[in-house]
Amino acid sequence: TAGHRTGSAGGAPVTRLRLAAKAIVVSAVTFVTALLAIGIV
């Protein structure tokens, strides 16, 4: 939700492509971090 403001606050509009890209980044980072953590812990 960073950088996405609606109304008078300004900011970039929310697009599906941008939201999907952020979801993919978060998913990949979470997967790799969890895999490393489980492999170490």
PDB file of all heavy atoms in Angstrom:
ATOM      1  N   THR A   1       0.810  -1.223   0.000  1.00  0.00           N
ATOM      2  CA  THR A   1       0.000   0.000   0.000  1.00  0.00           C
ATOM      3  C   THR A   1       0.843   1.273   0.000  1.00  0.00           C
ATOM      4  O   THR A   1       0.291   2.367  -0.062  1.00  0.00           O
ATOM      5  CB  THR A   1      -0.932   0.026   1.218  1.00  0.00           C
ATOM      6  OG1 THR A   1      -0.157  -0.032   2.415  1.00  0.00           O
ATOM      7  CG2 THR A   1      -1.912  -1.123   1.167  1.00  0.00           C
ATOM      8  N   ALA A   2       2.167   1.149   0.061  1.00  0.00           N
ATOM      9  CA  ALA A   2       3.041   2.327   0.072  1.00  0.00           C
ATOM     10  C   ALA A   2       2.920   3.073  -1.258  1.00  0.00           C
ATOM     11  O   ALA A   2       2.959   2.491  -2.324  1.00  0.00           O
ATOM     12  CB  ALA A   2       4.483   1.918   0.317  1.00  0.00           C
ATOM     13  N   GLY A   3       2.753   4.366  -1.193  1.00  0.00           N
ATOM     14  CA  GLY A   3       2.692   5.184  -2.389  1.00  0.00           C
ATOM     15  C   GLY A   3       1.326   5.239  -3.043  1.00  0.00           C
ATOM     16  O   GLY A   3       1.157   5.899  -4.050  1.00  0.00           O
ATOM     17  N   HIS A   4       0.360   4.553  -2.493  1.00  0.00           N
ATOM     18  CA  HIS A   4      -0.982   4.559  -3.072  1.00  0.00           C
ATOM     19  C   HIS A   4      -1.918   5.305  -2.141  1.00  0.00           C
ATOM     20  O   HIS A   4      -2.297   4.819  -1.090  1.00  0.00           O
ATOM     21  CB  HIS A   4      -1.506   3.139  -3.272  1.00  0.00           C
ATOM     22  CG  HIS A   4      -0.671   2.329  -4.216  1.00  0.00           C
ATOM     23  ND1 HIS A   4      -0.466   2.690  -5.520  1.00  0.00           N
ATOM     24  CD2 HIS A   4       0.020   1.187  -4.037  1.00  0.00           C
ATOM     25  CE1 HIS A   4       0.302   1.806  -6.105  1.00  0.00           C
ATOM     26  NE2 HIS A   4       0.617   0.887  -5.224  1.00  0.00           N
ATOM     27  N   ARG A   5      -2.270   6.488  -2.533  1.00  0.00           N
ATOM     28  CA  ARG A   5      -3.198   7.283  -1.741  1.00  0.00           C
ATOM     29  C   ARG A   5      -4.358   7.666  -2.636  1.00  0.00           C
ATOM     30  O   ARG A   5      -4.183   7.949  -3.824  1.00  0.00           O
ATOM     31  CB  ARG A   5      -2.531   8.541  -1.215  1.00  0.00           C
ATOM     32  CG  ARG A   5      -1.307   8.281  -0.365  1.00  0.00           C
ATOM     33  CD  ARG A   5      -1.703   7.811   1.036  1.00  0.00           C
ATOM     34  NE  ARG A   5      -0.522   7.657   1.862  1.00  0.00           N
ATOM     35  CZ  ARG A   5      -0.001   6.488   2.187  1.00  0.00           C
ATOM     36  NH1 ARG A   5      -0.518   5.387   1.752  1.00  0.00           N
ATOM     37  NH2 ARG A   5       1.053   6.420   2.961  1.00  0.00           N
ATOM     38  N   THR A   6      -5.516   7.700  -2.073  1.00  0.00           N
ATOM     39  CA  THR A   6      -6.679   8.125  -2.846  1.00  0.00           C
ATOM     40  C   THR A   6      -7.204   9.432  -2.289  1.00  0.00           C
ATOM     41  O   THR A   6      -6.919   9.807  -1.148  1.00  0.00           O
ATOM     42  CB  THR A   6      -7.798   7.062  -2.778  1.00  0.00           C
ATOM     43  OG1 THR A   6      -8.144   6.850  -1.412  1.00  0.00           O
ATOM     44  CG2 THR A   6      -7.348   5.758  -3.391  1.00  0.00           C
ATOM     45  N   GLY A   7      -7.960  10.121  -3.097  1.00  0.00           N
ATOM     46  CA  GLY A   7      -8.568  11.356  -2.625  1.00  0.00           C
ATOM     47  C   GLY A   7      -7.605  12.519  -2.640  1.00  0.00           C
ATOM     48  O   GLY A   7      -6.743  12.645  -3.508  1.00  0.00           O
ATOM     49  N   SER A   8      -7.711  13.385  -1.664  1.00  0.00           N
ATOM     50  CA  SER A   8      -6.943  14.632  -1.643  1.00  0.00           C
ATOM     51  C   SER A   8      -5.493  14.432  -1.217  1.00  0.00           C
ATOM     52  O   SER A   8      -4.698  15.350  -1.313  1.00  0.00           O
ATOM     53  CB  SER A   8      -7.620  15.626  -0.700  1.00  0.00           C
ATOM     54  OG  SER A   8      -7.636  15.098   0.613  1.00  0.00           O
ATOM     55  N   ALA A   9      -5.128  13.252  -0.714  1.00  0.00           N
ATOM     56  CA  ALA A   9      -3.761  13.026  -0.249  1.00  0.00           C
ATOM     57  C   ALA A   9      -2.774  12.937  -1.401  1.00  0.00           C
ATOM     58  O   ALA A   9      -1.581  13.094  -1.219  1.00  0.00           O
ATOM     59  CB  ALA A   9      -3.686  11.757   0.596  1.00  0.00           C
ATOM     60  N   GLY A  10      -3.253  12.689  -2.619  1.00  0.00           N
ATOM     61  CA  GLY A  10      -2.377  12.583  -3.776  1.00  0.00           C
ATOM     62  C   GLY A  10      -1.716  11.225  -3.833  1.00  0.00           C
ATOM     63  O   GLY A  10      -1.959  10.354  -3.019  1.00  0.00           O
ATOM     64  N   GLY A  11      -0.837  11.024  -4.801  1.00  0.00           N
ATOM     65  CA  GLY A  11      -0.139   9.760  -4.945  1.00  0.00           C
ATOM     66  C   GLY A  11      -0.535   9.072  -6.232  1.00  0.00           C
ATOM     67  O   GLY A  11      -1.440   9.491  -6.939  1.00  0.00           O
ATOM     68  N   ALA A  12       0.175   8.015  -6.546  1.00  0.00           N
ATOM     69  CA  ALA A  12      -0.069   7.280  -7.788  1.00  0.00           C
ATOM     70  C   ALA A  12      -1.357   6.470  -7.676  1.00  0.00           C
ATOM     71  O   ALA A  12      -1.678   5.950  -6.609  1.00  0.00           O
ATOM     72  CB  ALA A  12       1.102   6.348  -8.069  1.00  0.00           C
ATOM     73  N   PRO A  13      -2.082   6.350  -8.782  1.00  0.00           N
ATOM     74  CA  PRO A  13      -3.288   5.519  -8.734  1.00  0.00           C
ATOM     75  C   PRO A  13      -2.916   4.040  -8.641  1.00  0.00           C
ATOM     76  O   PRO A  13      -1.848   3.626  -9.075  1.00  0.00           O
ATOM     77  CB  PRO A  13      -3.981   5.825 -10.062  1.00  0.00           C
ATOM     78  CG  PRO A  13      -2.892   6.289 -10.954  1.00  0.00           C
ATOM     79  CD  PRO A  13      -1.883   6.979 -10.068  1.00  0.00           C
ATOM     80  N   VAL A  14      -3.797   3.268  -8.067  1.00  0.00           N
ATOM     81  CA  VAL A  14      -3.569   1.838  -7.914  1.00  0.00           C
ATOM     82  C   VAL A  14      -3.918   1.158  -9.234  1.00  0.00           C
ATOM     83  O   VAL A  14      -5.036   1.263  -9.719  1.00  0.00           O
ATOM     84  CB  VAL A  14      -4.441   1.253  -6.783  1.00  0.00           C
ATOM     85  CG1 VAL A  14      -4.209  -0.234  -6.659  1.00  0.00           C
ATOM     86  CG2 VAL A  14      -4.159   1.953  -5.475  1.00  0.00           C
ATOM     87  N   THR A  15      -2.927   0.483  -9.828  1.00  0.00           N
ATOM     88  CA  THR A  15      -3.189  -0.280 -11.044  1.00  0.00           C
ATOM     89  C   THR A  15      -3.031  -1.763 -10.729  1.00  0.00           C
ATOM     90  O   THR A  15      -2.272  -2.138  -9.830  1.00  0.00           O
ATOM     91  CB  THR A  15      -2.217   0.108 -12.172  1.00  0.00           C
ATOM     92  OG1 THR A  15      -0.884  -0.242 -11.769  1.00  0.00           O
ATOM     93  CG2 THR A  15      -2.293   1.591 -12.485  1.00  0.00           C
ATOM     94  N   ARG A  16      -3.730  -2.574 -11.457  1.00  0.00           N
ATOM     95  CA  ARG A  16      -3.652  -4.022 -11.223  1.00  0.00           C
ATOM     96  C   ARG A  16      -2.263  -4.558 -11.521  1.00  0.00           C
ATOM     97  O   ARG A  16      -1.774  -5.430 -10.813  1.00  0.00           O
ATOM     98  CB  ARG A  16      -4.683  -4.741 -12.080  1.00  0.00           C
ATOM     99  CG  ARG A  16      -6.085  -4.524 -11.609  1.00  0.00           C
ATOM    100  CD  ARG A  16      -7.055  -5.312 -12.430  1.00  0.00           C
ATOM    101  NE  ARG A  16      -8.411  -4.971 -12.027  1.00  0.00           N
ATOM    102  CZ  ARG A  16      -9.446  -5.731 -12.254  1.00  0.00           C
ATOM    103  NH1 ARG A  16      -9.307  -6.853 -12.901  1.00  0.00           N
ATOM    104  NH2 ARG A  16     -10.635  -5.356 -11.847  1.00  0.00           N
ATOM    105  N   LEU A  17      -1.635  -4.048 -12.554  1.00  0.00           N
ATOM    106  CA  LEU A  17      -0.300  -4.516 -12.921  1.00  0.00           C
ATOM    107  C   LEU A  17       0.716  -4.207 -11.825  1.00  0.00           C
ATOM    108  O   LEU A  17       1.518  -5.063 -11.444  1.00  0.00           O
ATOM    109  CB  LEU A  17       0.132  -3.867 -14.244  1.00  0.00           C
ATOM    110  CG  LEU A  17       1.476  -4.318 -14.795  1.00  0.00           C
ATOM    111  CD1 LEU A  17       1.449  -5.824 -15.076  1.00  0.00           C
ATOM    112  CD2 LEU A  17       1.812  -3.548 -16.054  1.00  0.00           C
ATOM    113  N   ARG A  18       0.652  -2.992 -11.303  1.00  0.00           N
ATOM    114  CA  ARG A  18       1.584  -2.611 -10.234  1.00  0.00           C
ATOM    115  C   ARG A  18       1.321  -3.418  -8.954  1.00  0.00           C
ATOM    116  O   ARG A  18       2.250  -3.869  -8.288  1.00  0.00           O
ATOM    117  CB  ARG A  18       1.461  -1.125  -9.958  1.00  0.00           C
ATOM    118  CG  ARG A  18       2.532  -0.616  -9.049  1.00  0.00           C
ATOM    119  CD  ARG A  18       2.538   0.873  -9.017  1.00  0.00           C
ATOM    120  NE  ARG A  18       3.676   1.308  -8.229  1.00  0.00           N
ATOM    121  CZ  ARG A  18       4.105   2.525  -8.194  1.00  0.00           C
ATOM    122  NH1 ARG A  18       3.523   3.448  -8.903  1.00  0.00           N
ATOM    123  NH2 ARG A  18       5.128   2.844  -7.448  1.00  0.00           N
ATOM    124  N   LEU A  19       0.062  -3.617  -8.622  1.00  0.00           N
ATOM    125  CA  LEU A  19      -0.285  -4.402  -7.438  1.00  0.00           C
ATOM    126  C   LEU A  19       0.147  -5.857  -7.606  1.00  0.00           C
ATOM    127  O   LEU A  19       0.668  -6.474  -6.674  1.00  0.00           O
ATOM    128  CB  LEU A  19      -1.795  -4.313  -7.184  1.00  0.00           C
ATOM    129  CG  LEU A  19      -2.296  -4.814  -5.841  1.00  0.00           C
ATOM    130  CD1 LEU A  19      -1.627  -4.064  -4.700  1.00  0.00           C
ATOM    131  CD2 LEU A  19      -3.797  -4.669  -5.754  1.00  0.00           C
ATOM    132  N   ALA A  20      -0.026  -6.414  -8.811  1.00  0.00           N
ATOM    133  CA  ALA A  20       0.405  -7.790  -9.078  1.00  0.00           C
ATOM    134  C   ALA A  20       1.924  -7.916  -8.979  1.00  0.00           C
ATOM    135  O   ALA A  20       2.442  -8.899  -8.433  1.00  0.00           O
ATOM    136  CB  ALA A  20      -0.081  -8.235 -10.451  1.00  0.00           C
ATOM    137  N   ALA A  21       2.641  -6.920  -9.492  1.00  0.00           N
ATOM    138  CA  ALA A  21       4.103  -6.942  -9.413  1.00  0.00           C
ATOM    139  C   ALA A  21       4.567  -6.916  -7.966  1.00  0.00           C
ATOM    140  O   ALA A  21       5.479  -7.652  -7.575  1.00  0.00           O
ATOM    141  CB  ALA A  21       4.687  -5.765 -10.189  1.00  0.00           C
ATOM    142  N   LYS A  22       3.925  -6.085  -7.160  1.00  0.00           N
ATOM    143  CA  LYS A  22       4.296  -6.024  -5.740  1.00  0.00           C
ATOM    144  C   LYS A  22       3.971  -7.341  -5.035  1.00  0.00           C
ATOM    145  O   LYS A  22       4.737  -7.802  -4.184  1.00  0.00           O
ATOM    146  CB  LYS A  22       3.588  -4.859  -5.047  1.00  0.00           C
ATOM    147  CG  LYS A  22       4.198  -3.520  -5.385  1.00  0.00           C
ATOM    148  CD  LYS A  22       3.612  -2.429  -4.521  1.00  0.00           C
ATOM    149  CE  LYS A  22       4.342  -1.126  -4.760  1.00  0.00           C
ATOM    150  NZ  LYS A  22       4.031  -0.123  -3.762  1.00  0.00           N
ATOM    151  N   ALA A  23       2.852  -7.953  -5.384  1.00  0.00           N
ATOM    152  CA  ALA A  23       2.487  -9.237  -4.777  1.00  0.00           C
ATOM    153  C   ALA A  23       3.509 -10.314  -5.131  1.00  0.00           C
ATOM    154  O   ALA A  23       3.869 -11.142  -4.288  1.00  0.00           O
ATOM    155  CB  ALA A  23       1.093  -9.653  -5.232  1.00  0.00           C
ATOM    156  N   ILE A  24       3.986 -10.311  -6.368  1.00  0.00           N
ATOM    157  CA  ILE A  24       4.995 -11.292  -6.786  1.00  0.00           C
ATOM    158  C   ILE A  24       6.300 -11.067  -6.028  1.00  0.00           C
ATOM    159  O   ILE A  24       6.932 -12.027  -5.572  1.00  0.00           O
ATOM    160  CB  ILE A  24       5.201 -11.225  -8.315  1.00  0.00           C
ATOM    161  CG1 ILE A  24       3.958 -11.767  -9.024  1.00  0.00           C
ATOM    162  CG2 ILE A  24       6.443 -11.992  -8.744  1.00  0.00           C
ATOM    163  CD1 ILE A  24       3.934 -11.542 -10.509  1.00  0.00           C
ATOM    164  N   VAL A  25       6.709  -9.815  -5.873  1.00  0.00           N
ATOM    165  CA  VAL A  25       7.938  -9.512  -5.134  1.00  0.00           C
ATOM    166  C   VAL A  25       7.817  -9.958  -3.673  1.00  0.00           C
ATOM    167  O   VAL A  25       8.708 -10.613  -3.133  1.00  0.00           O
ATOM    168  CB  VAL A  25       8.280  -8.004  -5.217  1.00  0.00           C
ATOM    169  CG1 VAL A  25       9.378  -7.632  -4.241  1.00  0.00           C
ATOM    170  CG2 VAL A  25       8.671  -7.631  -6.638  1.00  0.00           C
ATOM    171  N   VAL A  26       6.707  -9.621  -3.034  1.00  0.00           N
ATOM    172  CA  VAL A  26       6.504 -10.013  -1.636  1.00  0.00           C
ATOM    173  C   VAL A  26       6.487 -11.540  -1.506  1.00  0.00           C
ATOM    174  O   VAL A  26       7.093 -12.106  -0.590  1.00  0.00           O
ATOM    175  CB  VAL A  26       5.205  -9.392  -1.073  1.00  0.00           C
ATOM    176  CG1 VAL A  26       4.839 -10.005   0.260  1.00  0.00           C
ATOM    177  CG2 VAL A  26       5.371  -7.896  -0.922  1.00  0.00           C
ATOM    178  N   SER A  27       5.829 -12.223  -2.416  1.00  0.00           N
ATOM    179  CA  SER A  27       5.761 -13.687  -2.375  1.00  0.00           C
ATOM    180  C   SER A  27       7.138 -14.312  -2.527  1.00  0.00           C
ATOM    181  O   SER A  27       7.502 -15.226  -1.788  1.00  0.00           O
ATOM    182  CB  SER A  27       4.841 -14.210  -3.471  1.00  0.00           C
ATOM    183  OG  SER A  27       3.549 -13.714  -3.314  1.00  0.00           O
ATOM    184  N   ALA A  28       7.897 -13.825  -3.487  1.00  0.00           N
ATOM    185  CA  ALA A  28       9.234 -14.379  -3.717  1.00  0.00           C
ATOM    186  C   ALA A  28      10.156 -14.142  -2.527  1.00  0.00           C
ATOM    187  O   ALA A  28      10.875 -15.052  -2.098  1.00  0.00           O
ATOM    188  CB  ALA A  28       9.829 -13.773  -4.986  1.00  0.00           C
ATOM    189  N   VAL A  29      10.133 -12.926  -1.991  1.00  0.00           N
ATOM    190  CA  VAL A  29      10.992 -12.618  -0.841  1.00  0.00           C
ATOM    191  C   VAL A  29      10.588 -13.453   0.373  1.00  0.00           C
ATOM    192  O   VAL A  29      11.444 -13.985   1.085  1.00  0.00           O
ATOM    193  CB  VAL A  29      10.942 -11.108  -0.524  1.00  0.00           C
ATOM    194  CG1 VAL A  29      11.588 -10.796   0.817  1.00  0.00           C
ATOM    195  CG2 VAL A  29      11.611 -10.322  -1.635  1.00  0.00           C
ATOM    196  N   THR A  30       9.291 -13.599   0.593  1.00  0.00           N
ATOM    197  CA  THR A  30       8.814 -14.405   1.722  1.00  0.00           C
ATOM    198  C   THR A  30       9.215 -15.866   1.559  1.00  0.00           C
ATOM    199  O   THR A  30       9.676 -16.503   2.508  1.00  0.00           O
ATOM    200  CB  THR A  30       7.283 -14.294   1.846  1.00  0.00           C
ATOM    201  OG1 THR A  30       6.941 -12.922   2.021  1.00  0.00           O
ATOM    202  CG2 THR A  30       6.767 -15.099   3.017  1.00  0.00           C
ATOM    203  N   PHE A  31       9.065 -16.405   0.355  1.00  0.00           N
ATOM    204  CA  PHE A  31       9.412 -17.809   0.116  1.00  0.00           C
ATOM    205  C   PHE A  31      10.895 -18.055   0.346  1.00  0.00           C
ATOM    206  O   PHE A  31      11.278 -19.003   1.044  1.00  0.00           O
ATOM    207  CB  PHE A  31       9.022 -18.212  -1.315  1.00  0.00           C
ATOM    208  CG  PHE A  31       9.399 -19.617  -1.651  1.00  0.00           C
ATOM    209  CD1 PHE A  31       8.655 -20.682  -1.166  1.00  0.00           C
ATOM    210  CD2 PHE A  31      10.503 -19.881  -2.446  1.00  0.00           C
ATOM    211  CE1 PHE A  31       9.006 -21.983  -1.463  1.00  0.00           C
ATOM    212  CE2 PHE A  31      10.855 -21.182  -2.747  1.00  0.00           C
ATOM    213  CZ  PHE A  31      10.107 -22.230  -2.262  1.00  0.00           C
ATOM    214  N   VAL A  32      11.748 -17.213  -0.223  1.00  0.00           N
ATOM    215  CA  VAL A  32      13.192 -17.404  -0.077  1.00  0.00           C
ATOM    216  C   VAL A  32      13.624 -17.232   1.375  1.00  0.00           C
ATOM    217  O   VAL A  32      14.414 -18.020   1.902  1.00  0.00           O
ATOM    218  CB  VAL A  32      13.960 -16.432  -1.005  1.00  0.00           C
ATOM    219  CG1 VAL A  32      15.450 -16.430  -0.709  1.00  0.00           C
ATOM    220  CG2 VAL A  32      13.712 -16.805  -2.459  1.00  0.00           C
ATOM    221  N   THR A  33      13.082 -16.230   2.047  1.00  0.00           N
ATOM    222  CA  THR A  33      13.432 -16.005   3.449  1.00  0.00           C
ATOM    223  C   THR A  33      12.991 -17.177   4.325  1.00  0.00           C
ATOM    224  O   THR A  33      13.752 -17.639   5.181  1.00  0.00           O
ATOM    225  CB  THR A  33      12.782 -14.700   3.954  1.00  0.00           C
ATOM    226  OG1 THR A  33      13.186 -13.638   3.112  1.00  0.00           O
ATOM    227  CG2 THR A  33      13.189 -14.400   5.376  1.00  0.00           C
ATOM    228  N   ALA A  34      11.770 -17.676   4.116  1.00  0.00           N
ATOM    229  CA  ALA A  34      11.280 -18.807   4.907  1.00  0.00           C
ATOM    230  C   ALA A  34      12.097 -20.058   4.630  1.00  0.00           C
ATOM    231  O   ALA A  34      12.413 -20.822   5.546  1.00  0.00           O
ATOM    232  CB  ALA A  34       9.808 -19.060   4.607  1.00  0.00           C
ATOM    233  N   LEU A  35      12.448 -20.285   3.370  1.00  0.00           N
ATOM    234  CA  LEU A  35      13.248 -21.458   3.014  1.00  0.00           C
ATOM    235  C   LEU A  35      14.608 -21.417   3.698  1.00  0.00           C
ATOM    236  O   LEU A  35      15.060 -22.423   4.272  1.00  0.00           O
ATOM    237  CB  LEU A  35      13.401 -21.516   1.496  1.00  0.00           C
ATOM    238  CG  LEU A  35      13.935 -22.798   0.899  1.00  0.00           C
ATOM    239  CD1 LEU A  35      12.984 -23.944   1.206  1.00  0.00           C
ATOM    240  CD2 LEU A  35      14.091 -22.640  -0.599  1.00  0.00           C
ATOM    241  N   LEU A  36      15.248 -20.262   3.677  1.00  0.00           N
ATOM    242  CA  LEU A  36      16.540 -20.121   4.364  1.00  0.00           C
ATOM    243  C   LEU A  36      16.386 -20.279   5.876  1.00  0.00           C
ATOM    244  O   LEU A  36      17.207 -20.936   6.520  1.00  0.00           O
ATOM    245  CB  LEU A  36      17.156 -18.761   4.042  1.00  0.00           C
ATOM    246  CG  LEU A  36      17.736 -18.604   2.638  1.00  0.00           C
ATOM    247  CD1 LEU A  36      18.145 -17.169   2.394  1.00  0.00           C
ATOM    248  CD2 LEU A  36      18.911 -19.534   2.449  1.00  0.00           C
ATOM    249  N   ALA A  37      15.346 -19.667   6.444  1.00  0.00           N
ATOM    250  CA  ALA A  37      15.149 -19.753   7.896  1.00  0.00           C
ATOM    251  C   ALA A  37      14.915 -21.186   8.338  1.00  0.00           C
ATOM    252  O   ALA A  37      15.502 -21.646   9.328  1.00  0.00           O
ATOM    253  CB  ALA A  37      13.983 -18.868   8.314  1.00  0.00           C
ATOM    254  N   ILE A  38      14.070 -21.902   7.620  1.00  0.00           N
ATOM    255  CA  ILE A  38      13.791 -23.292   7.989  1.00  0.00           C
ATOM    256  C   ILE A  38      15.028 -24.150   7.790  1.00  0.00           C
ATOM    257  O   ILE A  38      15.322 -25.033   8.586  1.00  0.00           O
ATOM    258  CB  ILE A  38      12.579 -23.822   7.205  1.00  0.00           C
ATOM    259  CG1 ILE A  38      11.305 -23.137   7.704  1.00  0.00           C
ATOM    260  CG2 ILE A  38      12.451 -25.329   7.327  1.00  0.00           C
ATOM    261  CD1 ILE A  38      10.080 -23.432   6.883  1.00  0.00           C
ATOM    262  N   GLY A  39      15.770 -23.873   6.729  1.00  0.00           N
ATOM    263  CA  GLY A  39      16.994 -24.633   6.471  1.00  0.00           C
ATOM    264  C   GLY A  39      18.070 -24.406   7.507  1.00  0.00           C
ATOM    265  O   GLY A  39      18.954 -25.237   7.689  1.00  0.00           O
ATOM    266  N   ILE A  40      18.020 -23.278   8.194  1.00  0.00           N
ATOM    267  CA  ILE A  40      19.008 -22.982   9.241  1.00  0.00           C
ATOM    268  C   ILE A  40      18.471 -23.343  10.624  1.00  0.00           C
ATOM    269  O   ILE A  40      19.157 -23.960  11.432  1.00  0.00           O
ATOM    270  CB  ILE A  40      19.407 -21.492   9.189  1.00  0.00           C
ATOM    271  CG1 ILE A  40      20.153 -21.200   7.890  1.00  0.00           C
ATOM    272  CG2 ILE A  40      20.239 -21.096  10.400  1.00  0.00           C
ATOM    273  CD1 ILE A  40      20.354 -19.723   7.611  1.00  0.00           C
ATOM    274  N   VAL A  41      17.225 -22.964  10.911  1.00  0.00           N
ATOM    275  CA  VAL A  41      16.667 -23.140  12.254  1.00  0.00           C
ATOM    276  C   VAL A  41      16.438 -24.612  12.594  1.00  0.00           C
ATOM    277  O   VAL A  41      16.744 -25.043  13.711  1.00  0.00           O
ATOM    278  CB  VAL A  41      15.352 -22.336  12.392  1.00  0.00           C
ATOM    279  CG1 VAL A  41      14.623 -22.699  13.666  1.00  0.00           C
ATOM    280  CG2 VAL A  41      15.643 -20.855  12.361  1.00  0.00           C
TER     281      VAL A  41
END
